[in-house]
Amino acid sequence: FSLKTGTTLYEPVAGGWSPGKLGDDVFYTGFVGHRLLPQLKGSLVFGEKSVGRGKVVYLVDNPLFRGFWEQGNQLFANALFF
C-alpha cells in the first residue's frame, strides 16, 4: 500500500531496480483528482539503486505516516536493515 499525501511523482530509478512502480491499471481507494490519476501510471512508489559499496532505497511516500499500515513498518525495516 502507498498513502499519497502530496502530488510529487517520480519516474522509475534509472540504472536501478524499481519493483514498486504503479502499472497502467492503478487501483486506488479514496479520492484522486481526475488530473492526477493519469499521471500516476508508471510512477515510482519504491526502488533501489547500487551506489559504491552500498544501496540507496527510494521510498517516495512515508511508509510510517501515522502508523497507518503495519506493512509500512516492515517495508521500512527491510529498507534499513537489508
PDB file of N, CA and C in Angstrom:
ATOM      1  N   PHE A   1       0.826  -1.178   0.000  1.00  0.00           N
ATOM      2  CA  PHE A   1       0.000   0.000   0.000  1.00  0.00           C
ATOM      3  C   PHE A   1       0.873   1.245   0.000  1.00  0.00           C
ATOM      4  N   SER A   2       0.370   2.294  -0.571  1.00  0.00           N
ATOM      5  CA  SER A   2       1.059   3.579  -0.557  1.00  0.00           C
ATOM      6  C   SER A   2       0.023   4.660  -0.280  1.00  0.00           C
ATOM      7  N   LEU A   3       0.272   5.451   0.733  1.00  0.00           N
ATOM      8  CA  LEU A   3      -0.636   6.531   1.072  1.00  0.00           C
ATOM      9  C   LEU A   3      -0.049   7.825   0.544  1.00  0.00           C
ATOM     10  N   LYS A   4      -0.609   8.326  -0.534  1.00  0.00           N
ATOM     11  CA  LYS A   4      -0.128   9.568  -1.145  1.00  0.00           C
ATOM     12  C   LYS A   4      -0.641  10.748  -0.332  1.00  0.00           C
ATOM     13  N   THR A   5       0.291  11.598   0.097  1.00  0.00           N
ATOM     14  CA  THR A   5      -0.093  12.789   0.848  1.00  0.00           C
ATOM     15  C   THR A   5       0.307  14.064   0.113  1.00  0.00           C
ATOM     16  N   GLY A   6       0.753  13.925  -1.128  1.00  0.00           N
ATOM     17  CA  GLY A   6       1.145  15.076  -1.929  1.00  0.00           C
ATOM     18  C   GLY A   6       0.992  14.751  -3.402  1.00  0.00           C
ATOM     19  N   THR A   7       1.430  15.669  -4.250  1.00  0.00           N
ATOM     20  CA  THR A   7       1.280  15.470  -5.694  1.00  0.00           C
ATOM     21  C   THR A   7       2.610  15.238  -6.401  1.00  0.00           C
ATOM     22  N   THR A   8       3.707  15.097  -5.644  1.00  0.00           N
ATOM     23  CA  THR A   8       5.010  14.869  -6.254  1.00  0.00           C
ATOM     24  C   THR A   8       5.099  13.435  -6.760  1.00  0.00           C
ATOM     25  N   LEU A   9       5.481  13.282  -8.029  1.00  0.00           N
ATOM     26  CA  LEU A   9       5.618  11.959  -8.641  1.00  0.00           C
ATOM     27  C   LEU A   9       7.034  11.805  -9.171  1.00  0.00           C
ATOM     28  N   TYR A  10       7.543  10.577  -9.178  1.00  0.00           N
ATOM     29  CA  TYR A  10       8.898  10.305  -9.647  1.00  0.00           C
ATOM     30  C   TYR A  10       8.882   9.201 -10.689  1.00  0.00           C
ATOM     31  N   GLU A  11       9.806   9.301 -11.633  1.00  0.00           N
ATOM     32  CA  GLU A  11       9.992   8.259 -12.643  1.00  0.00           C
ATOM     33  C   GLU A  11      10.713   7.079 -11.997  1.00  0.00           C
ATOM     34  N   PRO A  12      10.599   5.872 -12.574  1.00  0.00           N
ATOM     35  CA  PRO A  12      11.370   4.737 -12.067  1.00  0.00           C
ATOM     36  C   PRO A  12      12.867   5.047 -12.061  1.00  0.00           C
ATOM     37  N   VAL A  13      13.598   4.399 -11.170  1.00  0.00           N
ATOM     38  CA  VAL A  13      15.024   4.649 -10.965  1.00  0.00           C
ATOM     39  C   VAL A  13      15.821   4.220 -12.189  1.00  0.00           C
ATOM     40  N   ALA A  14      16.559   5.166 -12.792  1.00  0.00           N
ATOM     41  CA  ALA A  14      17.409   4.851 -13.948  1.00  0.00           C
ATOM     42  C   ALA A  14      18.638   4.087 -13.462  1.00  0.00           C
ATOM     43  N   GLY A  15      18.921   2.955 -14.085  1.00  0.00           N
ATOM     44  CA  GLY A  15      20.077   2.150 -13.705  1.00  0.00           C
ATOM     45  C   GLY A  15      19.890   1.422 -12.394  1.00  0.00           C
ATOM     46  N   GLY A  16      18.679   1.345 -11.915  1.00  0.00           N
ATOM     47  CA  GLY A  16      18.395   0.665 -10.654  1.00  0.00           C
ATOM     48  C   GLY A  16      17.263  -0.329 -10.827  1.00  0.00           C
ATOM     49  N   TRP A  17      16.665  -0.685  -9.733  1.00  0.00           N
ATOM     50  CA  TRP A  17      15.576  -1.660  -9.723  1.00  0.00           C
ATOM     51  C   TRP A  17      14.349  -0.960  -9.156  1.00  0.00           C
ATOM     52  N   SER A  18      13.247  -1.040  -9.856  1.00  0.00           N
ATOM     53  CA  SER A  18      12.012  -0.363  -9.437  1.00  0.00           C
ATOM     54  C   SER A  18      10.876  -1.367  -9.283  1.00  0.00           C
ATOM     55  N   PRO A  19      10.923  -2.195  -8.221  1.00  0.00           N
ATOM     56  CA  PRO A  19       9.852  -3.180  -8.048  1.00  0.00           C
ATOM     57  C   PRO A  19       8.526  -2.541  -7.637  1.00  0.00           C
ATOM     58  N   GLY A  20       8.593  -1.369  -7.018  1.00  0.00           N
ATOM     59  CA  GLY A  20       7.382  -0.679  -6.573  1.00  0.00           C
ATOM     60  C   GLY A  20       7.022   0.442  -7.516  1.00  0.00           C
ATOM     61  N   LYS A  21       6.409   0.074  -8.622  1.00  0.00           N
ATOM     62  CA  LYS A  21       6.034   1.059  -9.635  1.00  0.00           C
ATOM     63  C   LYS A  21       4.576   0.815  -9.983  1.00  0.00           C
ATOM     64  N   LEU A  22       3.821   1.886 -10.118  1.00  0.00           N
ATOM     65  CA  LEU A  22       2.404   1.750 -10.440  1.00  0.00           C
ATOM     66  C   LEU A  22       2.235   1.388 -11.906  1.00  0.00           C
ATOM     67  N   GLY A  23       1.383   0.416 -12.164  1.00  0.00           N
ATOM     68  CA  GLY A  23       1.137  -0.013 -13.535  1.00  0.00           C
ATOM     69  C   GLY A  23       0.071   0.833 -14.219  1.00  0.00           C
ATOM     70  N   ASP A  24      -0.373   0.362 -15.359  1.00  0.00           N
ATOM     71  CA  ASP A  24      -1.387   1.085 -16.128  1.00  0.00           C
ATOM     72  C   ASP A  24      -2.775   1.000 -15.501  1.00  0.00           C
ATOM     73  N   ASP A  25      -2.996  -0.030 -14.692  1.00  0.00           N
ATOM     74  CA  ASP A  25      -4.304  -0.204 -14.056  1.00  0.00           C
ATOM     75  C   ASP A  25      -4.200   0.155 -12.569  1.00  0.00           C
ATOM     76  N   VAL A  26      -3.974   1.431 -12.293  1.00  0.00           N
ATOM     77  CA  VAL A  26      -3.794   1.915 -10.926  1.00  0.00           C
ATOM     78  C   VAL A  26      -5.058   1.647 -10.121  1.00  0.00           C
ATOM     79  N   PHE A  27      -4.897   0.932  -8.995  1.00  0.00           N
ATOM     80  CA  PHE A  27      -6.019   0.669  -8.096  1.00  0.00           C
ATOM     81  C   PHE A  27      -5.923   1.666  -6.944  1.00  0.00           C
ATOM     82  N   TYR A  28      -6.994   2.328  -6.645  1.00  0.00           N
ATOM     83  CA  TYR A  28      -6.973   3.285  -5.554  1.00  0.00           C
ATOM     84  C   TYR A  28      -8.285   3.241  -4.800  1.00  0.00           C
ATOM     85  N   THR A  29      -8.210   3.667  -3.550  1.00  0.00           N
ATOM     86  CA  THR A  29      -9.414   3.871  -2.754  1.00  0.00           C
ATOM     87  C   THR A  29      -9.347   5.290  -2.215  1.00  0.00           C
ATOM     88  N   GLY A  30     -10.462   5.895  -2.021  1.00  0.00           N
ATOM     89  CA  GLY A  30     -10.473   7.277  -1.570  1.00  0.00           C
ATOM     90  C   GLY A  30     -10.579   8.216  -2.752  1.00  0.00           C
ATOM     91  N   PHE A  31     -10.062   9.412  -2.596  1.00  0.00           N
ATOM     92  CA  PHE A  31     -10.182  10.432  -3.632  1.00  0.00           C
ATOM     93  C   PHE A  31      -8.865  10.636  -4.353  1.00  0.00           C
ATOM     94  N   VAL A  32      -8.917  10.646  -5.667  1.00  0.00           N
ATOM     95  CA  VAL A  32      -7.785  11.020  -6.518  1.00  0.00           C
ATOM     96  C   VAL A  32      -8.348  11.965  -7.569  1.00  0.00           C
ATOM     97  N   GLY A  33      -7.738  13.133  -7.695  1.00  0.00           N
ATOM     98  CA  GLY A  33      -8.206  14.113  -8.673  1.00  0.00           C
ATOM     99  C   GLY A  33      -8.098  13.595 -10.096  1.00  0.00           C
ATOM    100  N   HIS A  34      -9.016  13.999 -10.960  1.00  0.00           N
ATOM    101  CA  HIS A  34      -9.050  13.491 -12.334  1.00  0.00           C
ATOM    102  C   HIS A  34      -7.822  13.915 -13.138  1.00  0.00           C
ATOM    103  N   ARG A  35      -7.144  14.993 -12.760  1.00  0.00           N
ATOM    104  CA  ARG A  35      -5.927  15.400 -13.473  1.00  0.00           C
ATOM    105  C   ARG A  35      -4.700  14.633 -12.984  1.00  0.00           C
ATOM    106  N   LEU A  36      -4.729  14.173 -11.750  1.00  0.00           N
ATOM    107  CA  LEU A  36      -3.585  13.447 -11.192  1.00  0.00           C
ATOM    108  C   LEU A  36      -3.599  11.966 -11.560  1.00  0.00           C
ATOM    109  N   LEU A  37      -4.762  11.368 -11.661  1.00  0.00           N
ATOM    110  CA  LEU A  37      -4.859   9.927 -11.903  1.00  0.00           C
ATOM    111  C   LEU A  37      -4.070   9.453 -13.126  1.00  0.00           C
ATOM    112  N   PRO A  38      -4.160  10.087 -14.292  1.00  0.00           N
ATOM    113  CA  PRO A  38      -3.371   9.617 -15.436  1.00  0.00           C
ATOM    114  C   PRO A  38      -1.861   9.742 -15.201  1.00  0.00           C
ATOM    115  N   GLN A  39      -1.446  10.701 -14.393  1.00  0.00           N
ATOM    116  CA  GLN A  39      -0.020  10.892 -14.126  1.00  0.00           C
ATOM    117  C   GLN A  39       0.547   9.820 -13.202  1.00  0.00           C
ATOM    118  N   LEU A  40      -0.306   9.169 -12.418  1.00  0.00           N
ATOM    119  CA  LEU A  40       0.156   8.128 -11.502  1.00  0.00           C
ATOM    120  C   LEU A  40       0.685   6.900 -12.240  1.00  0.00           C
ATOM    121  N   LYS A  41       0.184   6.658 -13.434  1.00  0.00           N
ATOM    122  CA  LYS A  41       0.572   5.464 -14.190  1.00  0.00           C
ATOM    123  C   LYS A  41       2.070   5.472 -14.470  1.00  0.00           C
ATOM    124  N   GLY A  42       2.747   4.416 -14.041  1.00  0.00           N
ATOM    125  CA  GLY A  42       4.181   4.279 -14.267  1.00  0.00           C
ATOM    126  C   GLY A  42       5.051   5.028 -13.278  1.00  0.00           C
ATOM    127  N   SER A  43       4.445   5.682 -12.282  1.00  0.00           N
ATOM    128  CA  SER A  43       5.255   6.433 -11.316  1.00  0.00           C
ATOM    129  C   SER A  43       5.821   5.500 -10.246  1.00  0.00           C
ATOM    130  N   LEU A  44       6.899   5.932  -9.635  1.00  0.00           N
ATOM    131  CA  LEU A  44       7.631   5.139  -8.652  1.00  0.00           C
ATOM    132  C   LEU A  44       6.969   5.215  -7.284  1.00  0.00           C
ATOM    133  N   VAL A  45       6.886   4.070  -6.608  1.00  0.00           N
ATOM    134  CA  VAL A  45       6.452   4.012  -5.218  1.00  0.00           C
ATOM    135  C   VAL A  45       7.673   3.734  -4.345  1.00  0.00           C
ATOM    136  N   PHE A  46       8.484   2.737  -4.735  1.00  0.00           N
ATOM    137  CA  PHE A  46       9.774   2.500  -4.091  1.00  0.00           C
ATOM    138  C   PHE A  46      10.710   1.829  -5.080  1.00  0.00           C
ATOM    139  N   GLY A  47      12.000   2.052  -4.884  1.00  0.00           N
ATOM    140  CA  GLY A  47      13.004   1.497  -5.787  1.00  0.00           C
ATOM    141  C   GLY A  47      14.348   1.413  -5.092  1.00  0.00           C
ATOM    142  N   GLU A  48      15.333   0.849  -5.798  1.00  0.00           N
ATOM    143  CA  GLU A  48      16.655   0.628  -5.226  1.00  0.00           C
ATOM    144  C   GLU A  48      17.714   0.840  -6.290  1.00  0.00           C
ATOM    145  N   LYS A  49      18.862   1.384  -5.889  1.00  0.00           N
ATOM    146  CA  LYS A  49      19.969   1.596  -6.812  1.00  0.00           C
ATOM    147  C   LYS A  49      21.278   1.382  -6.068  1.00  0.00           C
ATOM    148  N   SER A  50      22.210   0.660  -6.701  1.00  0.00           N
ATOM    149  CA  SER A  50      23.530   0.448  -6.111  1.00  0.00           C
ATOM    150  C   SER A  50      24.371   1.699  -6.299  1.00  0.00           C
ATOM    151  N   VAL A  51      25.016   2.127  -5.221  1.00  0.00           N
ATOM    152  CA  VAL A  51      25.905   3.286  -5.250  1.00  0.00           C
ATOM    153  C   VAL A  51      27.147   2.914  -4.441  1.00  0.00           C
ATOM    154  N   GLY A  52      28.291   2.849  -5.117  1.00  0.00           N
ATOM    155  CA  GLY A  52      29.506   2.440  -4.425  1.00  0.00           C
ATOM    156  C   GLY A  52      29.361   1.027  -3.896  1.00  0.00           C
ATOM    157  N   ARG A  53      29.657   0.840  -2.605  1.00  0.00           N
ATOM    158  CA  ARG A  53      29.531  -0.488  -1.996  1.00  0.00           C
ATOM    159  C   ARG A  53      28.188  -0.681  -1.300  1.00  0.00           C
ATOM    160  N   GLY A  54      27.324   0.287  -1.412  1.00  0.00           N
ATOM    161  CA  GLY A  54      26.033   0.200  -0.746  1.00  0.00           C
ATOM    162  C   GLY A  54      24.870   0.322  -1.708  1.00  0.00           C
ATOM    163  N   LYS A  55      23.717   0.497  -1.144  1.00  0.00           N
ATOM    164  CA  LYS A  55      22.497   0.648  -1.931  1.00  0.00           C
ATOM    165  C   LYS A  55      21.696   1.823  -1.377  1.00  0.00           C
ATOM    166  N   VAL A  56      21.032   2.523  -2.272  1.00  0.00           N
ATOM    167  CA  VAL A  56      20.114   3.596  -1.887  1.00  0.00           C
ATOM    168  C   VAL A  56      18.708   3.080  -2.144  1.00  0.00           C
ATOM    169  N   VAL A  57      17.866   3.148  -1.134  1.00  0.00           N
ATOM    170  CA  VAL A  57      16.475   2.720  -1.272  1.00  0.00           C
ATOM    171  C   VAL A  57      15.609   3.974  -1.325  1.00  0.00           C
ATOM    172  N   TYR A  58      14.821   4.078  -2.378  1.00  0.00           N
ATOM    173  CA  TYR A  58      13.930   5.221  -2.576  1.00  0.00           C
ATOM    174  C   TYR A  58      12.531   4.853  -2.082  1.00  0.00           C
ATOM    175  N   LEU A  59      12.039   5.583  -1.118  1.00  0.00           N
ATOM    176  CA  LEU A  59      10.664   5.435  -0.643  1.00  0.00           C
ATOM    177  C   LEU A  59       9.981   6.775  -0.914  1.00  0.00           C
ATOM    178  N   VAL A  60       9.165   6.818  -1.935  1.00  0.00           N
ATOM    179  CA  VAL A  60       8.562   8.077  -2.371  1.00  0.00           C
ATOM    180  C   VAL A  60       7.611   8.634  -1.317  1.00  0.00           C
ATOM    181  N   ASP A  61       6.793   7.799  -0.759  1.00  0.00           N
ATOM    182  CA  ASP A  61       5.851   8.229   0.275  1.00  0.00           C
ATOM    183  C   ASP A  61       6.330   7.693   1.620  1.00  0.00           C
ATOM    184  N   ASN A  62       5.974   8.358   2.684  1.00  0.00           N
ATOM    185  CA  ASN A  62       6.390   7.956   4.020  1.00  0.00           C
ATOM    186  C   ASN A  62       5.614   6.705   4.444  1.00  0.00           C
ATOM    187  N   PRO A  63       6.280   5.528   4.501  1.00  0.00           N
ATOM    188  CA  PRO A  63       5.556   4.305   4.866  1.00  0.00           C
ATOM    189  C   PRO A  63       5.177   4.264   6.347  1.00  0.00           C
ATOM    190  N   LEU A  64       5.717   5.174   7.146  1.00  0.00           N
ATOM    191  CA  LEU A  64       5.424   5.206   8.580  1.00  0.00           C
ATOM    192  C   LEU A  64       4.406   6.285   8.946  1.00  0.00           C
ATOM    193  N   PHE A  65       3.811   6.921   7.960  1.00  0.00           N
ATOM    194  CA  PHE A  65       2.879   8.027   8.189  1.00  0.00           C
ATOM    195  C   PHE A  65       1.768   7.626   9.152  1.00  0.00           C
ATOM    196  N   ARG A  66       1.793   8.213  10.335  1.00  0.00           N
ATOM    197  CA  ARG A  66       0.782   7.988  11.382  1.00  0.00           C
ATOM    198  C   ARG A  66       0.593   6.520  11.756  1.00  0.00           C
ATOM    199  N   GLY A  67       1.551   5.660  11.451  1.00  0.00           N
ATOM    200  CA  GLY A  67       1.408   4.240  11.770  1.00  0.00           C
ATOM    201  C   GLY A  67       0.202   3.623  11.099  1.00  0.00           C
ATOM    202  N   PHE A  68      -0.131   4.144   9.928  1.00  0.00           N
ATOM    203  CA  PHE A  68      -1.381   3.803   9.247  1.00  0.00           C
ATOM    204  C   PHE A  68      -1.467   2.332   8.852  1.00  0.00           C
ATOM    205  N   TRP A  69      -0.365   1.768   8.306  1.00  0.00           N
ATOM    206  CA  TRP A  69      -0.361   0.368   7.897  1.00  0.00           C
ATOM    207  C   TRP A  69       0.816  -0.348   8.522  1.00  0.00           C
ATOM    208  N   GLU A  70       0.600  -1.541   9.000  1.00  0.00           N
ATOM    209  CA  GLU A  70       1.690  -2.354   9.545  1.00  0.00           C
ATOM    210  C   GLU A  70       2.691  -2.726   8.461  1.00  0.00           C
ATOM    211  N   GLN A  71       2.244  -2.878   7.214  1.00  0.00           N
ATOM    212  CA  GLN A  71       3.154  -3.219   6.122  1.00  0.00           C
ATOM    213  C   GLN A  71       4.197  -2.128   5.924  1.00  0.00           C
ATOM    214  N   GLY A  72       3.870  -0.895   6.241  1.00  0.00           N
ATOM    215  CA  GLY A  72       4.823   0.201   6.128  1.00  0.00           C
ATOM    216  C   GLY A  72       6.005   0.022   7.064  1.00  0.00           C
ATOM    217  N   ASN A  73       5.741  -0.494   8.263  1.00  0.00           N
ATOM    218  CA  ASN A  73       6.823  -0.777   9.209  1.00  0.00           C
ATOM    219  C   ASN A  73       7.759  -1.837   8.655  1.00  0.00           C
ATOM    220  N   GLN A  74       7.205  -2.877   8.078  1.00  0.00           N
ATOM    221  CA  GLN A  74       8.021  -3.956   7.508  1.00  0.00           C
ATOM    222  C   GLN A  74       8.825  -3.461   6.314  1.00  0.00           C
ATOM    223  N   LEU A  75       8.213  -2.675   5.459  1.00  0.00           N
ATOM    224  CA  LEU A  75       8.913  -2.119   4.300  1.00  0.00           C
ATOM    225  C   LEU A  75      10.084  -1.247   4.745  1.00  0.00           C
ATOM    226  N   PHE A  76       9.871  -0.406   5.743  1.00  0.00           N
ATOM    227  CA  PHE A  76      10.934   0.457   6.244  1.00  0.00           C
ATOM    228  C   PHE A  76      12.058  -0.362   6.875  1.00  0.00           C
ATOM    229  N   ALA A  77      11.712  -1.366   7.671  1.00  0.00           N
ATOM    230  CA  ALA A  77      12.731  -2.218   8.300  1.00  0.00           C
ATOM    231  C   ALA A  77      13.552  -2.949   7.243  1.00  0.00           C
ATOM    232  N   ASN A  78      12.905  -3.462   6.217  1.00  0.00           N
ATOM    233  CA  ASN A  78      13.636  -4.141   5.142  1.00  0.00           C
ATOM    234  C   ASN A  78      14.568  -3.175   4.421  1.00  0.00           C
ATOM    235  N   ALA A  79      14.119  -1.959   4.177  1.00  0.00           N
ATOM    236  CA  ALA A  79      14.954  -0.963   3.503  1.00  0.00           C
ATOM    237  C   ALA A  79      16.157  -0.587   4.362  1.00  0.00           C
ATOM    238  N   LEU A  80      15.967  -0.515   5.651  1.00  0.00           N
ATOM    239  CA  LEU A  80      17.025  -0.089   6.560  1.00  0.00           C
ATOM    240  C   LEU A  80      18.047  -1.191   6.837  1.00  0.00           C
ATOM    241  N   PHE A  81      17.593  -2.409   7.089  1.00  0.00           N
ATOM    242  CA  PHE A  81      18.487  -3.468   7.550  1.00  0.00           C
ATOM    243  C   PHE A  81      18.936  -4.450   6.480  1.00  0.00           C
ATOM    244  N   PHE A  82      18.252  -4.508   5.355  1.00  0.00           N
ATOM    245  CA  PHE A  82      18.636  -5.483   4.335  1.00  0.00           C
ATOM    246  C   PHE A  82      19.014  -4.753   3.090  1.00  0.00           C
TER     247      PHE A  82
END
